[in-house]
Amino acid sequence: MAAAIEAEREAALGLLGASAPSVRAVVAALLRHRTFKYPLSVLPLIVHAAETGALEPALPLTVVHDLWWTSACCLDDLADGQGTFAVGDLDESDALLATVIGGTPLPLLVVQSERIPEQVRAALSAEVVRCWIGATEGQLRDLHGDAATATRASVAAAYLGKSGAPYSMITTMAAELAGAAKPRVELWREFGDVFGVLWQIFNDQEDILSGRDEDLLNGTVTYLLACALEETAPHSTAGVLGLHTAARTSPQARTELTDVLLAPAVLRRFAQDIDEFRHRAQRILDELGGDQAFVPVLRDLVDRSSVMHLQPRAVTETAMAL
């Protein structure tokens, strides 16, 4: 579907109109610069096909998905960044304006275009707005998260916003576009919520495995950190919190905190919870059923997103002291 998705993207850029060539140029540059390692823009295609057997009608939603995540990732970089906000050849002002247009006005133009049946345009437009509110709430919780009071439940609630909201937006949109009955639409919304949490946890693992350590540098309260705090003996919690604070500026603290995060007991709890989220997503798919040419693709996507990639690290003197 890659060529069809690319053609749909060009058509979406055309919706900006002949009177806004500069707007089109900066949004196109933003999309060219921000590419994604995993092609999750296909998710609405698979959901729509699970309902109807047809992929192509949901092509506009792949563009909405890409636009939303491109904008959200750029805004996240802006929130976390320590320097100027620039994207490729775009300077800070151009990049910010492209992010604003690409995040909301253009997705709304897509779902209100002739490519979408008139009877569902309002519902799909409302999903875009609802998603931005929910995702912003989750992102604010993430930005202002207090490690001292963090629990697995509180972090999961933040993940439901910042990652669950966009995935539930796109699965709900696909179900609405497919003409699914309201109870099925709400089940697809629930599936998107759970998948979003799984995908955020998957990203958290990748951040550690890649060595980027952006979560440690930004002081992010991750689900893995919450597991570590709950698995750590009460008298040692202060030590973990101290490492979490110091990790923003200290490579040594980041190494020591990573040792704590990768302790066997912490990873056992982490893996158990991943399994619980995976089972919940699969149970929703069981209840939904659908076209068996496509439902197994969703099951595979859930399983791939639920792999436990982190491996226990030998307990160091620092971890033992904590």
Protein backbone atom coordinates (compact mmCIF):
# COMPACT_ATOMS: atom_id res chain seq x y z
CA MET A 1 0.00 0.00 0.00
CA ALA A 2 3.03 2.33 0.15
CA ALA A 3 2.50 3.89 -3.29
CA ALA A 4 -1.21 4.41 -2.64
CA ILE A 5 -0.47 6.03 0.73
CA GLU A 6 2.07 8.37 -0.88
CA ALA A 7 -0.45 9.37 -3.55
CA GLU A 8 -3.03 10.03 -0.83
CA ARG A 9 -0.55 12.24 0.99
CA GLU A 10 0.03 14.33 -2.13
CA ALA A 11 -3.72 14.66 -2.57
CA ALA A 12 -4.04 15.81 1.03
CA LEU A 13 -1.39 18.49 0.53
CA GLY A 14 -3.40 19.66 -2.44
CA LEU A 15 -6.30 20.40 -0.11
CA LEU A 16 -4.31 23.37 1.23
CA GLY A 17 -5.21 25.15 -2.01
CA ALA A 18 -3.46 27.12 -4.71
CA SER A 19 -3.52 30.27 -2.60
CA ALA A 20 -1.22 28.77 0.07
CA PRO A 21 1.93 27.54 -1.73
CA SER A 22 4.21 28.46 1.17
CA VAL A 23 2.05 26.51 3.61
CA ARG A 24 2.14 23.46 1.36
CA ALA A 25 5.92 23.74 0.97
CA VAL A 26 6.66 23.82 4.70
CA VAL A 27 4.22 21.01 5.56
CA ALA A 28 5.66 18.87 2.76
CA ALA A 29 9.17 19.54 4.06
CA LEU A 30 8.07 18.56 7.56
CA LEU A 31 6.65 15.27 6.29
CA ARG A 32 9.79 14.53 4.28
CA HIS A 33 12.04 15.14 7.27
CA ARG A 34 10.01 13.27 9.90
CA THR A 35 9.85 9.67 8.77
CA PHE A 36 8.91 6.75 10.98
CA LYS A 37 10.74 3.48 11.53
CA TYR A 38 7.50 1.50 11.80
CA PRO A 39 4.70 1.94 9.21
CA LEU A 40 1.83 2.15 11.68
CA SER A 41 -0.07 4.43 9.31
CA VAL A 42 -1.47 1.16 7.92
CA LEU A 43 -3.44 0.57 11.13
CA PRO A 44 -6.64 2.28 9.92
CA LEU A 45 -6.47 0.26 6.71
CA ILE A 46 -6.37 -3.01 8.63
CA VAL A 47 -9.18 -2.01 11.01
CA HIS A 48 -11.39 -0.92 8.12
CA ALA A 49 -10.63 -4.15 6.26
CA ALA A 50 -11.37 -6.22 9.37
CA GLU A 51 -14.85 -4.67 9.29
CA THR A 52 -15.48 -4.67 5.54
CA GLY A 53 -12.79 -6.65 3.74
CA ALA A 54 -11.68 -3.50 1.89
CA LEU A 55 -8.49 -1.51 2.52
CA GLU A 56 -8.69 1.36 0.04
CA PRO A 57 -11.55 3.43 1.51
CA ALA A 58 -9.45 4.10 4.62
CA LEU A 59 -6.48 5.53 2.69
CA PRO A 60 -7.29 9.13 3.76
CA LEU A 61 -7.00 8.01 7.38
CA THR A 62 -3.42 6.85 6.84
CA VAL A 63 -2.58 10.48 6.04
CA VAL A 64 -4.42 11.71 9.13
CA HIS A 65 -2.42 9.23 11.21
CA ASP A 66 0.91 10.31 9.69
CA LEU A 67 0.09 14.01 10.00
CA TRP A 68 -0.96 13.67 13.62
CA TRP A 69 2.13 11.77 14.69
CA THR A 70 4.47 14.01 12.70
CA SER A 71 3.06 17.05 14.45
CA ALA A 72 2.98 15.42 17.88
CA CYS A 73 6.59 14.23 17.64
CA CYS A 74 7.77 17.69 16.62
CA LEU A 75 5.87 19.29 19.48
CA ASP A 76 7.37 16.70 21.83
CA ASP A 77 10.85 17.61 20.58
CA LEU A 78 10.02 21.25 21.21
CA ALA A 79 8.86 20.51 24.75
CA ASP A 80 11.89 18.35 25.56
CA GLY A 81 14.56 20.19 23.58
CA GLN A 82 17.33 22.19 25.13
CA GLY A 83 18.19 24.17 22.01
CA THR A 84 16.48 25.68 18.98
CA PHE A 85 13.59 23.90 17.34
CA ALA A 86 14.48 23.26 13.69
CA VAL A 87 13.42 20.49 11.29
CA GLY A 88 15.67 19.70 8.35
CA ASP A 89 16.00 22.83 6.23
CA LEU A 90 13.13 24.56 8.06
CA ASP A 91 14.06 27.16 10.63
CA GLU A 92 12.33 27.35 13.98
CA SER A 93 9.47 29.59 12.86
CA ASP A 94 8.75 27.63 9.68
CA ALA A 95 8.90 24.31 11.51
CA LEU A 96 6.52 25.46 14.21
CA LEU A 97 4.00 26.84 11.73
CA ALA A 98 4.18 23.63 9.66
CA THR A 99 3.62 21.60 12.82
CA VAL A 100 0.51 23.59 13.71
CA ILE A 101 -1.02 23.29 10.22
CA GLY A 102 -0.06 19.63 9.84
CA GLY A 103 -1.45 18.67 13.22
CA THR A 104 -5.01 19.96 13.11
CA PRO A 105 -6.20 22.05 10.12
CA LEU A 106 -4.93 19.65 7.46
CA PRO A 107 -6.28 16.47 9.12
CA LEU A 108 -9.64 18.25 9.45
CA LEU A 109 -9.54 19.13 5.74
CA VAL A 110 -8.85 15.48 4.95
CA VAL A 111 -11.77 14.08 6.95
CA GLN A 112 -14.11 16.76 5.57
CA SER A 113 -13.05 16.17 1.96
CA GLU A 114 -15.00 14.43 -0.79
CA ARG A 115 -12.94 11.29 -0.12
CA ILE A 116 -14.98 10.78 3.07
CA PRO A 117 -18.74 10.06 2.96
CA GLU A 118 -20.68 13.09 4.15
CA GLN A 119 -22.56 11.18 6.85
CA VAL A 120 -19.38 10.45 8.84
CA ARG A 121 -17.42 13.68 8.31
CA ALA A 122 -18.67 15.30 11.50
CA ALA A 123 -17.90 12.23 13.62
CA LEU A 124 -14.38 11.94 12.20
CA SER A 125 -13.73 15.65 12.70
CA ALA A 126 -14.82 15.35 16.33
CA GLU A 127 -12.33 12.50 16.81
CA VAL A 128 -9.46 14.75 15.70
CA VAL A 129 -10.42 17.36 18.28
CA ARG A 130 -11.05 14.79 21.03
CA CYS A 131 -7.68 13.18 20.36
CA TRP A 132 -5.74 16.43 20.68
CA ILE A 133 -7.38 17.20 24.00
CA GLY A 134 -6.74 13.71 25.41
CA ALA A 135 -3.19 13.50 24.09
CA THR A 136 -2.32 16.95 25.42
CA GLU A 137 -3.65 15.97 28.83
CA GLY A 138 -1.45 12.87 28.77
CA GLN A 139 1.57 14.84 27.59
CA LEU A 140 1.11 17.42 30.34
CA ARG A 141 0.93 14.63 32.92
CA ASP A 142 4.12 13.27 31.40
CA LEU A 143 5.91 16.63 31.44
CA HIS A 144 4.93 17.35 35.04
CA GLY A 145 5.11 13.78 36.33
CA ASP A 146 6.42 13.48 39.86
CA ALA A 147 8.55 10.40 40.30
CA ALA A 148 8.08 10.57 44.07
CA THR A 149 4.36 9.87 43.74
CA ALA A 150 4.41 7.79 40.55
CA THR A 151 2.71 4.41 40.40
CA ARG A 152 2.22 1.97 37.59
CA ALA A 153 -1.43 3.06 37.44
CA SER A 154 -0.61 6.78 37.23
CA VAL A 155 1.91 6.24 34.44
CA ALA A 156 -0.53 4.01 32.54
CA ALA A 157 -3.10 6.82 32.80
CA ALA A 158 -0.63 9.26 31.22
CA TYR A 159 0.19 6.74 28.48
CA LEU A 160 -3.54 6.33 27.76
CA GLY A 161 -3.55 10.01 26.88
CA LYS A 162 -0.34 10.71 25.05
CA SER A 163 -0.26 7.46 23.06
CA GLY A 164 -3.62 5.78 23.61
CA ALA A 165 -5.59 8.83 22.42
CA PRO A 166 -4.08 8.97 18.89
CA TYR A 167 -4.36 5.23 18.38
CA SER A 168 -7.94 5.12 19.63
CA MET A 169 -8.67 8.11 17.38
CA ILE A 170 -7.53 6.27 14.28
CA THR A 171 -9.11 2.90 15.11
CA THR A 172 -12.39 4.65 15.97
CA MET A 173 -12.26 6.65 12.74
CA ALA A 174 -11.69 3.49 10.70
CA ALA A 175 -14.62 1.76 12.38
CA GLU A 176 -16.87 4.80 11.85
CA LEU A 177 -15.85 4.99 8.20
CA ALA A 178 -16.62 1.28 7.84
CA GLY A 179 -20.15 1.85 9.11
CA ALA A 180 -19.70 -0.28 12.22
CA ALA A 181 -22.45 -0.27 14.84
CA LYS A 182 -21.84 1.92 17.89
CA PRO A 183 -20.89 -0.96 20.26
CA ARG A 184 -18.26 -2.13 17.79
CA VAL A 185 -16.94 1.41 17.33
CA GLU A 186 -16.45 1.66 21.09
CA LEU A 187 -14.65 -1.70 21.18
CA TRP A 188 -12.30 -0.44 18.47
CA ARG A 189 -11.74 2.68 20.58
CA GLU A 190 -10.82 0.48 23.54
CA PHE A 191 -8.49 -1.56 21.36
CA GLY A 192 -6.72 1.63 20.23
CA ASP A 193 -6.31 2.73 23.85
CA VAL A 194 -4.66 -0.54 24.87
CA PHE A 195 -2.53 -0.74 21.74
CA GLY A 196 -1.33 2.81 22.39
CA VAL A 197 -0.15 1.87 25.88
CA LEU A 198 1.65 -1.18 24.47
CA TRP A 199 3.31 0.91 21.80
CA GLN A 200 4.48 3.51 24.30
CA ILE A 201 6.03 0.77 26.45
CA PHE A 202 7.67 -0.64 23.30
CA ASN A 203 9.12 2.83 22.60
CA ASP A 204 10.37 3.06 26.17
CA GLN A 205 12.30 -0.17 25.66
CA GLU A 206 13.77 1.07 22.38
CA ASP A 207 14.98 4.26 24.07
CA ILE A 208 17.10 2.19 26.44
CA LEU A 209 18.28 -0.36 23.88
CA SER A 210 19.29 2.33 21.37
CA GLY A 211 21.42 4.12 23.95
CA ARG A 212 19.59 7.41 23.27
CA ASP A 213 18.41 7.52 26.90
CA GLU A 214 16.09 10.43 26.08
CA ASP A 215 13.73 9.47 28.89
CA LEU A 216 16.56 9.63 31.43
CA LEU A 217 17.88 12.90 30.01
CA ASN A 218 14.41 14.45 30.14
CA GLY A 219 13.54 13.12 33.58
CA THR A 220 10.52 11.27 32.16
CA VAL A 221 8.57 9.10 34.56
CA THR A 222 8.27 5.90 32.55
CA TYR A 223 6.32 2.75 33.28
CA LEU A 224 9.60 0.92 33.88
CA LEU A 225 10.65 3.53 36.44
CA ALA A 226 7.31 3.09 38.21
CA CYS A 227 7.95 -0.66 38.30
CA ALA A 228 11.39 -0.02 39.79
CA LEU A 229 9.99 2.29 42.46
CA GLU A 230 7.31 -0.23 43.44
CA GLU A 231 9.75 -3.14 43.49
CA THR A 232 12.41 -1.26 45.47
CA ALA A 233 12.47 -1.63 49.22
CA PRO A 234 10.92 1.44 50.92
CA HIS A 235 14.20 2.47 52.53
CA SER A 236 15.87 2.53 49.09
CA THR A 237 13.29 4.61 47.24
CA ALA A 238 15.08 7.86 48.00
CA GLY A 239 18.21 6.51 46.33
CA VAL A 240 16.32 5.66 43.14
CA LEU A 241 14.68 9.07 43.11
CA GLY A 242 18.06 10.71 43.59
CA LEU A 243 19.47 8.85 40.60
CA HIS A 244 16.44 9.82 38.54
CA THR A 245 17.05 13.50 39.28
CA ALA A 246 20.80 13.30 38.71
CA ALA A 247 20.41 11.33 35.45
CA ARG A 248 19.41 14.52 33.63
CA THR A 249 23.00 15.77 33.76
CA SER A 250 25.17 12.89 34.94
CA PRO A 251 26.24 10.01 32.66
CA GLN A 252 27.28 8.04 35.75
CA ALA A 253 23.82 8.47 37.29
CA ARG A 254 22.21 7.35 34.04
CA THR A 255 24.31 4.20 34.05
CA GLU A 256 23.50 3.46 37.67
CA LEU A 257 19.78 4.12 37.21
CA THR A 258 19.73 1.86 34.15
CA ASP A 259 21.23 -0.89 36.32
CA VAL A 260 18.34 -0.42 38.73
CA LEU A 261 15.76 -0.42 35.94
CA LEU A 262 17.16 -3.64 34.49
CA ALA A 263 17.25 -5.50 37.78
CA PRO A 264 15.63 -8.97 37.43
CA ALA A 265 12.79 -8.27 39.87
CA VAL A 266 11.89 -5.01 38.11
CA LEU A 267 11.87 -6.64 34.67
CA ARG A 268 9.72 -9.51 35.93
CA ARG A 269 7.05 -7.03 37.05
CA PHE A 270 7.44 -5.09 33.77
CA ALA A 271 7.06 -8.25 31.68
CA GLN A 272 4.01 -9.41 33.63
CA ASP A 273 2.28 -6.10 32.99
CA ILE A 274 3.15 -6.14 29.29
CA ASP A 275 1.55 -9.57 29.10
CA GLU A 276 -1.58 -8.27 30.81
CA PHE A 277 -1.92 -5.42 28.30
CA ARG A 278 -1.31 -7.85 25.43
CA HIS A 279 -3.94 -10.29 26.69
CA ARG A 280 -6.42 -7.44 27.06
CA ALA A 281 -5.84 -6.33 23.46
CA GLN A 282 -6.21 -9.89 22.19
CA ARG A 283 -9.43 -10.37 24.19
CA ILE A 284 -10.89 -7.28 22.52
CA LEU A 285 -9.98 -8.72 19.12
CA ASP A 286 -11.62 -12.00 20.16
CA GLU A 287 -14.81 -10.13 20.93
CA LEU A 288 -14.69 -8.10 17.72
CA GLY A 289 -13.99 -10.91 15.29
CA GLY A 290 -14.16 -9.69 11.69
CA ASP A 291 -12.70 -10.56 8.33
CA GLN A 292 -10.22 -13.36 8.91
CA ALA A 293 -8.00 -12.18 6.11
CA PHE A 294 -7.11 -9.15 8.26
CA VAL A 295 -7.78 -9.85 11.95
CA PRO A 296 -4.66 -12.08 12.19
CA VAL A 297 -2.60 -9.09 10.97
CA LEU A 298 -3.86 -7.09 13.95
CA ARG A 299 -3.09 -9.97 16.30
CA ASP A 300 0.43 -10.14 14.90
CA LEU A 301 0.83 -6.39 15.32
CA VAL A 302 -0.19 -6.68 18.98
CA ASP A 303 2.25 -9.54 19.55
CA ARG A 304 5.11 -7.69 17.87
CA SER A 305 4.43 -4.65 20.03
CA SER A 306 4.43 -6.77 23.19
CA VAL A 307 7.83 -8.40 22.93
CA MET A 308 9.98 -8.07 26.02
CA HIS A 309 13.29 -6.87 24.57
CA LEU A 310 15.07 -5.74 27.73
CA GLN A 311 17.35 -8.25 29.42
CA PRO A 312 18.28 -8.35 33.10
CA ARG A 313 21.59 -6.76 33.95
CA ALA A 314 23.92 -8.14 36.55
CA VAL A 315 23.25 -6.51 39.89
CA THR A 316 25.89 -3.86 40.51
CA GLU A 317 27.16 -2.55 43.82
CA THR A 318 25.00 0.55 43.38
CA ALA A 319 21.86 -1.51 42.78
CA MET A 320 22.71 -3.74 45.74
CA ALA A 321 23.17 -0.68 47.93
CA LEU A 322 19.72 0.54 46.98
